[in-house]
Amino acid sequence: MTVAAPHICDILCEREITCQSHNFNRKEQICELNNRTKDARPENFRLDPAWFYIRRLNGRAPLGSIPELPARSCREIKESEGKNTASNKYWLDPSGTGKAVLVYCDMNLKGFTAVFTTLGKNGTKGPDSVSGHYTGQDHDGQVTVSGGIQLWTVPHTGKYRIETIGASGGYGEDSVINGGRGARMIGNFMLTKDEIIRILVGQRGRGTKKTAGGGGGTFVVRGDNKPLIIAGGGGGVAKMTEQHSGCDASINTTGNAGYNSPFLSGGSNGNGGQTDKPHSGGGGGGFYSNGENSKISYGGGKGGKGFLNGGEGGAYCGGFGGGGGYRSANKIPGGGGGYSGGGGGANKDTSCGGGGGSFNNGINQQNECCYNTAGHDISHSLQVSPLLNLTSAEYNEGTIKYKVKFAKLVGDRFSWISNLVSLLVTAVCPSFWDHNPPGGGGWRARQPQNFGTSTCCGKTEVFILRSSVGEQGIRVNMFFSENMLSVFYCFVLTVLASLIPEVRGSCRS
């Protein structure tokens, strides 16, 4: 955006909660807002004689402190905020998908945090490739994909704390509640440099108007097929009006039966979940074997595949990770995948598939159900112990320069057109603006008498400000400082509405 003076760029940055720094071109009078500092993204810092780079000083939200400003990794937070950054929970969005997750970062460890995701995939099958999802993260270059399962090469020998979260089941649109919820399993493990860890990130079951498939379990398995930790996925839900524990994943190795099921439990001993034959949803896949199918060969109701058989979700719409498929003819939901699969949904008006069982072979365990309500794709947080022999320079803070001449930050700007209505069209005198005026509405002008041409920057100026935001559009007031006339100008509203996708409705005076 073009502005009249550098201090206006400062003001605009301070009004935007996600602004971390800004660039200013004095000759062209261009202001660029950045959602990162040069300390967080040194690779994006460029020398350029036309630009000034300024780090925000007042009211800057620390990187990762709010979901609107997630970091890519714990290391990026430490580089941005300095070597004294406290260990705490921070918001991360490792893949840059806009889905932030709250993760604990131990800033005292000279290690890394690797968060594995579905790699943007959803449905019955897993991803085909990494496709740059982990670029710039601690495990960048360490992961390949085979048959939907991610193969991670351990970078260092040491203790790792691994957190797994099973995906939630789907839910029919007629259900009041969401799908069955996944388990959350945490434990510490000793891993060896260069060993291959097989990781299957469970994907959420999908639904129709009446019913849904089960959610996939999340698996972390050694290369010799020895499970380390597994979090069961939730069962699919049909016409449920309240949460039932049988729909959710179990933190025990045995899967749940579901609601209105004739069985006492789901699968056990690492096997797939059973079904109420002949009309039922598909059972969830276990570690060793597939979930049972409905005995009717058409219309879905297929059991999810076991981990050793690839983990594909069952038809219809079972989530990758062994989620059982729903049966379309009777609108019967599927069971969740896991160490042992959840039972397929029963042929009842109101039912759910059982949640999958879980497994934890680690120490210092922390196991809980139920973690998610609508399906979290991000499911792992792996943190390295301080036993690793990393270079001491890895987290050096260096010298922080808040203002750098002849330089700019590239590649980390954000679109701020949605906030255009709360900003000035041309140069602004900051003293003439109030923040959080009575009745809300963001920024507004002070009393009109303050807008004389002799007092406001010595010239006639046009200001635009937000008065209210509603479903029918944005009400915009314009003040002409020369004649003190307050008007509502329909053309301006129409232009703004065309620029801002989320604004809909007609122009109103």
Protein backbone atom coordinates (compact mmCIF):
# COMPACT_ATOMS: atom_id res chain seq x y z
CA MET A 1 0.00 0.00 0.00
CA THR A 2 1.12 3.53 -0.75
CA VAL A 3 1.49 5.79 2.29
CA ALA A 4 2.70 9.34 2.73
CA ALA A 5 5.26 8.82 5.49
CA PRO A 6 7.13 6.00 7.28
CA HIS A 7 5.37 6.60 10.60
CA ILE A 8 2.09 5.66 8.92
CA CYS A 9 3.59 2.28 8.09
CA ASP A 10 4.43 1.97 11.81
CA ILE A 11 0.82 2.74 12.71
CA LEU A 12 -0.59 0.24 10.24
CA CYS A 13 1.69 -2.48 11.55
CA GLU A 14 0.64 -1.77 15.14
CA ARG A 15 -3.03 -2.05 14.18
CA GLU A 16 -2.58 -5.52 12.69
CA ILE A 17 -2.25 -8.24 15.33
CA THR A 18 -0.17 -10.54 13.11
CA CYS A 19 2.27 -7.87 11.93
CA GLN A 20 5.82 -8.61 13.11
CA SER A 21 7.81 -6.15 11.02
CA HIS A 22 7.47 -3.98 7.94
CA ASN A 23 9.35 -2.72 4.92
CA PHE A 24 9.22 0.89 3.73
CA ASN A 25 10.29 2.24 0.37
CA ARG A 26 10.97 5.94 0.88
CA LYS A 27 11.09 6.85 -2.81
CA GLU A 28 7.93 5.03 -3.86
CA GLN A 29 6.27 5.49 -0.43
CA ILE A 30 5.30 1.82 -0.35
CA CYS A 31 4.52 0.05 2.93
CA GLU A 32 4.73 -3.76 3.20
CA LEU A 33 3.64 -5.60 6.37
CA ASN A 34 5.40 -8.85 7.29
CA ASN A 35 4.15 -11.72 9.46
CA ARG A 36 7.73 -12.63 10.40
CA THR A 37 10.88 -10.91 11.59
CA LYS A 38 14.25 -11.33 9.92
CA ASP A 39 15.32 -13.32 12.98
CA ALA A 40 12.63 -15.92 12.31
CA ARG A 41 13.32 -16.06 8.57
CA PRO A 42 16.94 -15.01 7.96
CA GLU A 43 16.87 -16.78 4.59
CA ASN A 44 14.26 -14.25 3.40
CA PHE A 45 16.29 -11.18 4.39
CA ARG A 46 17.61 -9.30 1.35
CA LEU A 47 19.86 -6.26 0.94
CA ASP A 48 18.09 -3.66 -1.17
CA PRO A 49 19.10 0.03 -1.33
CA ALA A 50 15.52 1.17 -1.94
CA TRP A 51 14.08 -0.25 1.27
CA PHE A 52 14.13 0.08 5.04
CA TYR A 53 13.34 -2.92 7.25
CA ILE A 54 11.78 -2.13 10.69
CA ARG A 55 10.99 -4.69 13.37
CA ARG A 56 7.81 -3.89 15.28
CA LEU A 57 8.55 -2.55 18.75
CA ASN A 58 5.17 -1.78 20.35
CA GLY A 59 2.61 -4.46 21.11
CA ARG A 60 4.12 -7.17 18.94
CA ALA A 61 2.54 -10.58 19.60
CA PRO A 62 5.31 -13.16 20.09
CA LEU A 63 5.42 -15.71 17.30
CA GLY A 64 3.33 -18.77 18.17
CA SER A 65 1.53 -17.05 21.06
CA ILE A 66 -1.84 -16.80 19.29
CA PRO A 67 -3.52 -19.10 16.75
CA GLU A 68 -3.62 -16.26 14.22
CA LEU A 69 0.19 -16.19 14.24
CA PRO A 70 1.39 -19.81 14.30
CA ALA A 71 5.03 -20.75 13.81
CA ARG A 72 6.31 -23.48 11.53
CA SER A 73 8.34 -25.08 14.33
CA CYS A 74 9.54 -24.59 17.91
CA ARG A 75 12.94 -23.67 16.53
CA GLU A 76 11.44 -20.81 14.53
CA ILE A 77 9.86 -19.45 17.73
CA LYS A 78 13.20 -19.58 19.53
CA GLU A 79 14.99 -17.87 16.66
CA SER A 80 12.31 -15.17 16.50
CA GLU A 81 11.95 -14.48 20.22
CA GLY A 82 15.50 -15.10 21.45
CA LYS A 83 17.50 -17.62 23.45
CA ASN A 84 15.60 -16.89 26.69
CA THR A 85 12.24 -17.96 25.26
CA ALA A 86 10.36 -19.96 27.91
CA SER A 87 9.24 -23.54 27.47
CA ASN A 88 5.48 -23.47 27.02
CA LYS A 89 2.63 -24.38 24.71
CA TYR A 90 2.75 -22.59 21.38
CA TRP A 91 0.66 -22.55 18.23
CA LEU A 92 2.25 -24.32 15.26
CA ASP A 93 1.15 -24.72 11.65
CA PRO A 94 3.93 -26.92 10.26
CA SER A 95 2.47 -27.32 6.77
CA GLY A 96 1.21 -23.77 6.37
CA THR A 97 -2.33 -25.00 5.77
CA GLY A 98 -4.02 -22.56 8.14
CA LYS A 99 -4.75 -25.29 10.71
CA ALA A 100 -2.88 -24.28 13.86
CA VAL A 101 -2.35 -26.80 16.66
CA LEU A 102 -1.25 -26.16 20.24
CA VAL A 103 2.05 -27.96 20.92
CA TYR A 104 4.38 -27.94 23.93
CA CYS A 105 7.86 -26.66 23.04
CA ASP A 106 10.73 -27.49 25.40
CA MET A 107 13.08 -24.62 24.66
CA ASN A 108 15.82 -26.10 26.86
CA LEU A 109 16.35 -29.02 24.50
CA LYS A 110 18.95 -28.67 21.80
CA GLY A 111 16.79 -30.68 19.49
CA PHE A 112 13.81 -30.24 17.27
CA THR A 113 10.07 -30.67 17.05
CA ALA A 114 8.76 -32.60 14.08
CA VAL A 115 5.03 -32.45 13.51
CA PHE A 116 3.73 -35.00 11.02
CA THR A 117 0.47 -34.30 9.20
CA THR A 118 -1.83 -35.92 6.65
CA LEU A 119 0.15 -33.97 4.02
CA GLY A 120 -3.07 -32.38 2.86
CA LYS A 121 -4.76 -35.70 2.13
CA ASN A 122 -8.21 -36.78 3.27
CA GLY A 123 -10.37 -39.80 2.61
CA THR A 124 -9.78 -43.55 2.51
CA LYS A 125 -6.26 -43.45 1.07
CA GLY A 126 -3.08 -41.85 2.34
CA PRO A 127 -0.76 -39.30 0.71
CA ASP A 128 1.44 -40.06 -2.29
CA SER A 129 4.36 -37.77 -1.48
CA VAL A 130 5.64 -35.16 0.95
CA SER A 131 5.27 -32.46 -1.75
CA GLY A 132 7.10 -29.76 0.19
CA HIS A 133 4.81 -29.89 3.25
CA TYR A 134 7.80 -30.11 5.61
CA THR A 135 10.01 -27.57 3.84
CA GLY A 136 11.96 -25.48 6.35
CA GLN A 137 10.97 -27.64 9.30
CA ASP A 138 13.19 -29.70 11.57
CA HIS A 139 12.47 -32.95 9.71
CA ASP A 140 12.79 -31.46 6.22
CA GLY A 141 14.48 -34.01 3.96
CA GLN A 142 14.08 -36.86 6.46
CA VAL A 143 10.69 -38.15 5.28
CA THR A 144 9.54 -40.15 2.26
CA VAL A 145 6.16 -41.74 1.54
CA SER A 146 5.34 -45.32 0.54
CA GLY A 147 1.75 -46.53 0.20
CA GLY A 148 0.44 -43.58 2.19
CA ILE A 149 2.76 -44.33 5.12
CA GLN A 150 5.49 -41.82 5.96
CA LEU A 151 8.99 -43.22 6.42
CA TRP A 152 11.03 -41.07 8.79
CA THR A 153 14.79 -41.55 9.09
CA VAL A 154 15.80 -40.79 12.68
CA PRO A 155 18.45 -38.03 12.58
CA HIS A 156 20.10 -38.67 15.96
CA THR A 157 20.27 -41.33 18.63
CA GLY A 158 18.41 -40.20 21.72
CA LYS A 159 15.17 -40.07 23.66
CA TYR A 160 12.09 -38.84 21.84
CA ARG A 161 8.75 -37.88 23.31
CA ILE A 162 6.05 -38.89 20.85
CA GLU A 163 2.47 -37.70 20.84
CA THR A 164 -0.15 -39.38 18.65
CA ILE A 165 -3.76 -38.33 18.12
CA GLY A 166 -6.34 -40.49 16.37
CA ALA A 167 -8.67 -38.92 13.84
CA SER A 168 -12.32 -38.41 14.67
CA GLY A 169 -15.10 -40.34 12.99
CA GLY A 170 -17.47 -38.70 10.58
CA TYR A 171 -21.05 -37.83 11.43
CA GLY A 172 -24.32 -37.74 9.55
CA GLU A 173 -25.85 -34.33 9.11
CA ASP A 174 -28.86 -35.52 11.11
CA SER A 175 -26.65 -36.01 14.18
CA VAL A 176 -26.56 -33.37 16.86
CA ILE A 177 -23.04 -34.37 17.92
CA ASN A 178 -19.82 -34.66 15.96
CA GLY A 179 -18.19 -38.00 15.19
CA GLY A 180 -16.55 -40.20 17.80
CA ARG A 181 -13.36 -38.66 19.15
CA GLY A 182 -9.81 -39.93 18.81
CA ALA A 183 -7.44 -40.89 21.61
CA ARG A 184 -4.31 -38.96 22.55
CA MET A 185 -1.31 -41.09 23.53
CA ILE A 186 2.08 -39.75 24.68
CA GLY A 187 5.26 -41.57 25.67
CA ASN A 188 9.07 -41.41 25.67
CA PHE A 189 11.10 -43.67 23.40
CA MET A 190 14.77 -44.37 22.70
CA LEU A 191 15.45 -44.21 18.96
CA THR A 192 18.63 -44.89 17.03
CA LYS A 193 20.19 -42.73 14.33
CA ASP A 194 19.27 -43.82 10.78
CA GLU A 195 16.58 -46.30 11.81
CA ILE A 196 13.33 -46.03 9.85
CA ILE A 197 10.14 -45.19 11.72
CA ARG A 198 6.88 -45.85 9.87
CA ILE A 199 4.22 -43.22 10.55
CA LEU A 200 0.58 -43.40 9.47
CA VAL A 201 -1.36 -40.24 10.28
CA GLY A 202 -5.05 -41.06 10.66
CA GLN A 203 -7.57 -39.24 8.49
CA ARG A 204 -11.06 -38.26 9.51
CA GLY A 205 -14.06 -40.36 8.49
CA ARG A 206 -16.47 -38.65 6.13
CA GLY A 207 -20.23 -38.47 6.31
CA THR A 208 -23.47 -38.08 4.38
CA LYS A 209 -26.83 -36.74 5.50
CA LYS A 210 -27.66 -39.91 7.44
CA THR A 211 -24.42 -41.67 8.44
CA ALA A 212 -20.61 -41.70 8.26
CA GLY A 213 -17.40 -43.72 8.20
CA GLY A 214 -15.05 -44.26 11.12
CA GLY A 215 -11.88 -42.25 11.73
CA GLY A 216 -8.41 -43.63 11.13
CA GLY A 217 -5.99 -44.51 13.89
CA THR A 218 -2.54 -42.93 14.04
CA PHE A 219 0.38 -45.37 14.11
CA VAL A 220 4.09 -45.03 14.93
CA VAL A 221 5.88 -48.28 14.16
CA ARG A 222 9.49 -49.42 13.98
CA GLY A 223 10.77 -50.68 10.65
CA ASP A 224 10.55 -54.29 11.83
CA ASN A 225 6.79 -53.81 12.38
CA LYS A 226 7.03 -53.42 16.13
CA PRO A 227 4.47 -50.83 17.26
CA LEU A 228 5.73 -48.01 19.46
CA ILE A 229 2.58 -46.01 20.02
CA ILE A 230 -0.88 -46.02 18.43
CA ALA A 231 -3.87 -43.73 19.02
CA GLY A 232 -7.29 -45.09 18.09
CA GLY A 233 -9.70 -43.21 15.84
CA GLY A 234 -13.31 -42.38 16.67
CA GLY A 235 -16.34 -44.21 15.30
CA GLY A 236 -18.76 -42.84 12.74
CA VAL A 237 -22.05 -41.46 14.08
CA ALA A 238 -25.65 -41.68 12.78
CA LYS A 239 -28.59 -39.73 14.29
CA MET A 240 -26.92 -39.34 17.68
CA THR A 241 -28.23 -36.63 19.99
CA GLU A 242 -25.63 -36.92 22.76
CA GLN A 243 -22.05 -38.08 23.17
CA HIS A 244 -21.58 -41.75 24.05
CA SER A 245 -18.28 -43.19 25.28
CA GLY A 246 -18.62 -46.23 23.03
CA CYS A 247 -18.31 -44.00 19.97
CA ASP A 248 -14.96 -42.62 21.15
CA ALA A 249 -11.57 -44.26 20.92
CA SER A 250 -10.26 -46.30 23.83
CA ILE A 251 -6.92 -45.71 25.55
CA ASN A 252 -6.79 -49.48 26.15
CA THR A 253 -5.72 -52.00 23.52
CA THR A 254 -9.29 -53.28 22.98
CA GLY A 255 -11.59 -51.31 20.68
CA ASN A 256 -15.05 -50.13 21.71
CA ALA A 257 -18.26 -51.75 20.47
CA GLY A 258 -20.19 -48.57 19.68
CA TYR A 259 -23.70 -47.52 20.69
CA ASN A 260 -26.66 -49.94 20.38
CA SER A 261 -24.25 -52.75 19.53
CA PRO A 262 -24.93 -56.38 20.53
CA PHE A 263 -21.23 -56.77 21.39
CA LEU A 264 -19.50 -55.93 24.63
CA SER A 265 -16.38 -54.63 22.88
CA GLY A 266 -14.73 -54.13 19.51
CA GLY A 267 -11.64 -55.93 18.26
CA SER A 268 -8.93 -57.15 20.64
CA ASN A 269 -5.27 -58.23 20.62
CA GLY A 270 -4.47 -55.98 17.66
CA ASN A 271 -7.18 -57.36 15.38
CA GLY A 272 -9.94 -55.65 13.44
CA GLY A 273 -13.39 -54.88 14.80
CA GLN A 274 -16.33 -57.23 14.26
CA THR A 275 -19.73 -56.52 12.74
CA ASP A 276 -23.36 -57.25 13.56
CA LYS A 277 -24.06 -59.47 10.57
CA PRO A 278 -25.57 -59.24 8.01
CA HIS A 279 -26.55 -55.56 8.12
CA SER A 280 -23.87 -53.38 9.70
CA GLY A 281 -21.21 -50.82 9.11
CA GLY A 282 -17.64 -51.96 8.52
CA GLY A 283 -15.43 -52.75 11.49
CA GLY A 284 -12.33 -50.66 12.09
CA GLY A 285 -8.97 -52.08 11.05
CA GLY A 286 -6.48 -53.15 13.73
CA PHE A 287 -2.71 -53.40 13.69
CA TYR A 288 -2.55 -57.01 12.48
CA SER A 289 -5.84 -57.61 10.64
CA ASN A 290 -8.68 -55.94 8.78
CA GLY A 291 -12.06 -55.05 10.21
CA GLU A 292 -14.95 -57.31 9.30
CA ASN A 293 -17.21 -56.48 6.35
CA SER A 294 -20.96 -56.39 6.34
CA LYS A 295 -22.12 -59.72 4.89
CA ILE A 296 -24.10 -57.88 2.23
CA SER A 297 -21.64 -57.49 -0.63
CA TYR A 298 -23.01 -54.22 -2.02
CA GLY A 299 -23.63 -50.77 -0.57
CA GLY A 300 -20.45 -50.25 1.42
CA GLY A 301 -20.02 -51.51 4.97
CA LYS A 302 -16.45 -52.60 4.24
CA GLY A 303 -14.01 -53.05 7.08
CA GLY A 304 -10.91 -50.86 7.29
CA LYS A 305 -7.57 -52.44 6.41
CA GLY A 306 -5.15 -53.29 9.21
CA PHE A 307 -1.88 -51.37 9.45
CA LEU A 308 0.13 -54.34 8.17
CA ASN A 309 -2.22 -54.48 5.19
CA GLY A 310 -1.78 -50.80 4.29
CA GLY A 311 -4.33 -49.07 6.53
CA GLU A 312 -6.77 -48.07 3.79
CA GLY A 313 -10.18 -46.94 4.99
CA GLY A 314 -13.20 -49.07 4.16
CA ALA A 315 -15.94 -48.18 1.68
CA TYR A 316 -17.75 -45.97 2.11
CA CYS A 317 -15.78 -43.06 3.55
CA GLY A 318 -13.73 -44.75 6.26
CA GLY A 319 -10.71 -42.60 7.12
CA PHE A 320 -7.19 -43.73 6.19
CA GLY A 321 -5.78 -45.56 9.17
CA GLY A 322 -8.30 -48.40 9.19
CA GLY A 323 -11.57 -46.48 9.51
CA GLY A 324 -14.56 -48.74 8.77
CA GLY A 325 -16.89 -47.73 5.95
CA TYR A 326 -20.56 -46.89 6.39
CA ARG A 327 -23.28 -49.00 4.77
CA SER A 328 -25.42 -46.84 2.50
CA ALA A 329 -28.53 -49.05 2.25
CA ASN A 330 -29.33 -48.93 5.97
CA LYS A 331 -27.38 -45.78 6.81
CA ILE A 332 -25.13 -47.63 9.29
CA PRO A 333 -21.83 -46.05 10.47
CA GLY A 334 -18.35 -47.60 10.50
CA GLY A 335 -15.95 -48.28 13.37
CA GLY A 336 -12.71 -46.45 14.10
CA GLY A 337 -9.26 -47.81 13.27
CA GLY A 338 -6.55 -48.37 15.86
CA TYR A 339 -4.39 -51.00 17.53
CA SER A 340 -7.61 -53.03 17.72
CA GLY A 341 -10.48 -51.88 15.52
CA GLY A 342 -13.78 -50.52 16.76
CA GLY A 343 -16.94 -52.51 16.08
CA GLY A 344 -19.07 -51.70 13.05
CA GLY A 345 -22.25 -49.74 13.71
CA ALA A 346 -25.46 -51.67 14.39
CA ASN A 347 -28.58 -51.69 12.23
CA LYS A 348 -30.49 -49.32 14.53
CA ASP A 349 -32.13 -45.94 14.05
CA THR A 350 -29.56 -44.36 16.36
CA SER A 351 -26.08 -45.84 16.46
CA CYS A 352 -22.37 -45.29 16.11
CA GLY A 353 -19.36 -47.36 15.21
CA GLY A 354 -17.03 -48.15 18.08
CA GLY A 355 -13.84 -46.18 18.59
CA GLY A 356 -10.56 -47.96 17.95
CA GLY A 357 -8.21 -49.24 20.64
CA SER A 358 -4.80 -47.73 21.41
CA PHE A 359 -1.29 -48.88 22.34
CA ASN A 360 1.63 -47.27 24.17
CA ASN A 361 4.98 -48.96 24.72
CA GLY A 362 6.72 -45.83 25.99
CA ILE A 363 7.68 -44.59 29.43
CA ASN A 364 6.32 -41.52 31.25
CA GLN A 365 3.01 -42.13 29.54
CA GLN A 366 0.20 -39.63 29.25
CA ASN A 367 -2.93 -41.16 27.71
CA GLU A 368 -6.33 -39.57 27.38
CA CYS A 369 -9.60 -39.69 25.55
CA CYS A 370 -11.01 -37.72 24.05
CA TYR A 371 -8.89 -35.14 22.34
CA ASN A 372 -10.75 -33.90 19.31
CA THR A 373 -14.32 -33.11 18.40
CA ALA A 374 -14.19 -32.46 14.69
CA GLY A 375 -11.09 -34.21 13.43
CA HIS A 376 -7.57 -32.90 13.91
CA ASP A 377 -5.31 -33.70 10.99
CA ILE A 378 -2.17 -32.80 12.87
CA SER A 379 -1.34 -35.60 15.22
CA HIS A 380 2.33 -35.89 16.16
CA SER A 381 4.75 -33.89 18.23
CA LEU A 382 8.20 -35.43 18.43
CA GLN A 383 10.81 -33.79 20.63
CA VAL A 384 14.46 -34.74 20.99
CA SER A 385 16.22 -35.14 24.33
CA PRO A 386 19.29 -33.01 25.24
CA LEU A 387 21.56 -36.04 24.79
CA LEU A 388 22.31 -35.05 21.23
CA ASN A 389 25.65 -33.52 20.32
CA LEU A 390 24.46 -30.55 18.33
CA THR A 391 26.56 -27.49 17.65
CA SER A 392 26.24 -24.76 20.24
CA ALA A 393 25.63 -22.23 17.48
CA GLU A 394 22.32 -23.76 16.49
CA TYR A 395 20.26 -21.40 18.65
CA ASN A 396 22.57 -18.39 18.84
CA GLU A 397 20.42 -15.30 18.99
CA GLY A 398 22.95 -13.00 17.36
CA THR A 399 22.48 -9.24 17.20
CA ILE A 400 18.92 -8.05 16.77
CA LYS A 401 18.64 -4.93 14.65
CA TYR A 402 15.22 -3.37 14.84
CA LYS A 403 15.82 -1.00 11.94
CA VAL A 404 18.05 -1.86 9.01
CA LYS A 405 18.74 0.51 6.14
CA PHE A 406 18.93 -0.78 2.59
CA ALA A 407 17.28 -4.12 3.34
CA LYS A 408 13.87 -5.79 3.30
CA LEU A 409 12.17 -9.05 4.23
CA VAL A 410 10.66 -10.95 1.31
CA GLY A 411 8.22 -13.82 1.09
CA ASP A 412 6.52 -13.31 4.47
CA ARG A 413 3.99 -10.61 3.76
CA PHE A 414 0.28 -11.08 4.24
CA SER A 415 -2.82 -9.72 2.61
CA TRP A 416 -4.47 -6.97 4.61
CA ILE A 417 -7.24 -6.03 2.16
CA SER A 418 -9.78 -7.37 4.67
CA ASN A 419 -8.73 -4.61 7.06
CA LEU A 420 -8.80 -1.90 4.41
CA VAL A 421 -11.97 -0.35 5.76
CA SER A 422 -10.32 0.36 9.10
CA LEU A 423 -7.32 2.11 7.55
CA LEU A 424 -6.81 5.48 5.93
CA VAL A 425 -6.92 5.92 2.18
CA THR A 426 -4.32 8.67 2.32
CA ALA A 427 -1.98 10.09 4.93
CA VAL A 428 -3.30 10.25 8.49
CA CYS A 429 -2.62 12.38 11.51
CA PRO A 430 -2.55 9.75 14.29
CA SER A 431 -3.68 12.18 16.98
CA PHE A 432 -7.08 12.45 15.31
CA TRP A 433 -7.97 8.79 15.76
CA ASP A 434 -9.48 6.96 18.72
CA HIS A 435 -9.09 3.22 19.27
CA ASN A 436 -12.05 1.18 20.58
CA PRO A 437 -14.58 4.03 20.64
CA PRO A 438 -17.86 3.70 22.58
CA GLY A 439 -20.05 1.10 20.92
CA GLY A 440 -17.11 -0.66 19.26
CA GLY A 441 -16.36 -0.52 15.57
CA GLY A 442 -12.56 -0.36 15.62
CA TRP A 443 -10.92 2.98 14.82
CA ARG A 444 -12.87 6.17 14.23
CA ALA A 445 -12.24 9.86 13.87
CA ARG A 446 -12.50 12.21 16.81
CA GLN A 447 -15.02 15.04 16.70
CA PRO A 448 -15.36 16.52 13.19
CA GLN A 449 -14.16 19.92 14.33
CA ASN A 450 -10.68 18.42 14.62
CA PHE A 451 -10.58 17.93 10.86
CA GLY A 452 -9.66 21.44 9.75
CA THR A 453 -7.31 21.85 6.84
CA SER A 454 -5.02 23.94 8.99
CA THR A 455 -4.74 21.33 11.74
CA CYS A 456 -4.65 18.05 9.85
CA CYS A 457 -1.34 17.91 8.05
CA GLY A 458 -2.01 21.29 6.50
CA LYS A 459 -4.08 20.05 3.57
CA THR A 460 -7.45 18.67 2.58
CA GLU A 461 -7.57 14.95 3.22
CA VAL A 462 -10.09 12.17 2.75
CA PHE A 463 -10.42 9.54 5.46
CA ILE A 464 -12.23 6.25 5.40
CA LEU A 465 -13.11 4.29 8.51
CA ARG A 466 -15.13 1.31 9.64
CA SER A 467 -18.40 2.10 11.38
CA SER A 468 -19.94 -1.35 11.54
CA VAL A 469 -19.61 -4.77 9.97
CA GLY A 470 -22.61 -7.00 9.36
CA GLU A 471 -23.99 -9.66 7.09
CA GLN A 472 -25.33 -7.06 4.68
CA GLY A 473 -22.01 -5.38 4.10
CA ILE A 474 -19.77 -2.75 5.63
CA ARG A 475 -21.03 0.70 6.52
CA VAL A 476 -18.42 3.26 5.61
CA ASN A 477 -18.29 6.90 6.66
CA MET A 478 -16.20 9.42 4.77
CA PHE A 479 -15.10 12.71 6.29
CA PHE A 480 -14.06 15.60 4.09
CA SER A 481 -11.93 17.75 6.32
CA GLU A 482 -12.51 20.89 4.28
CA ASN A 483 -16.27 21.17 4.83
CA MET A 484 -16.79 18.90 7.84
CA LEU A 485 -19.44 16.96 5.91
CA SER A 486 -20.07 13.36 6.99
CA VAL A 487 -21.46 11.24 4.15
CA PHE A 488 -22.06 7.63 3.30
CA TYR A 489 -20.87 6.99 -0.23
CA CYS A 490 -22.38 3.89 -1.89
CA PHE A 491 -19.76 3.66 -4.60
CA VAL A 492 -16.98 3.30 -2.04
CA LEU A 493 -18.86 0.51 -0.29
CA THR A 494 -19.41 -1.29 -3.58
CA VAL A 495 -15.71 -1.13 -4.43
CA LEU A 496 -14.70 -2.38 -1.00
CA ALA A 497 -17.22 -5.22 -1.13
CA SER A 498 -15.78 -6.33 -4.46
CA LEU A 499 -12.28 -6.39 -2.97
CA ILE A 500 -13.18 -8.28 0.20
CA PRO A 501 -14.42 -11.83 -0.53
CA GLU A 502 -16.08 -12.35 2.82
CA VAL A 503 -18.29 -9.30 2.42
CA ARG A 504 -21.66 -9.99 0.81
CA GLY A 505 -24.88 -8.02 0.44
CA SER A 506 -26.13 -4.81 -1.05
CA CYS A 507 -25.15 -1.23 -0.53
CA ARG A 508 -27.15 0.56 2.16
CA SER A 509 -27.25 4.19 3.18
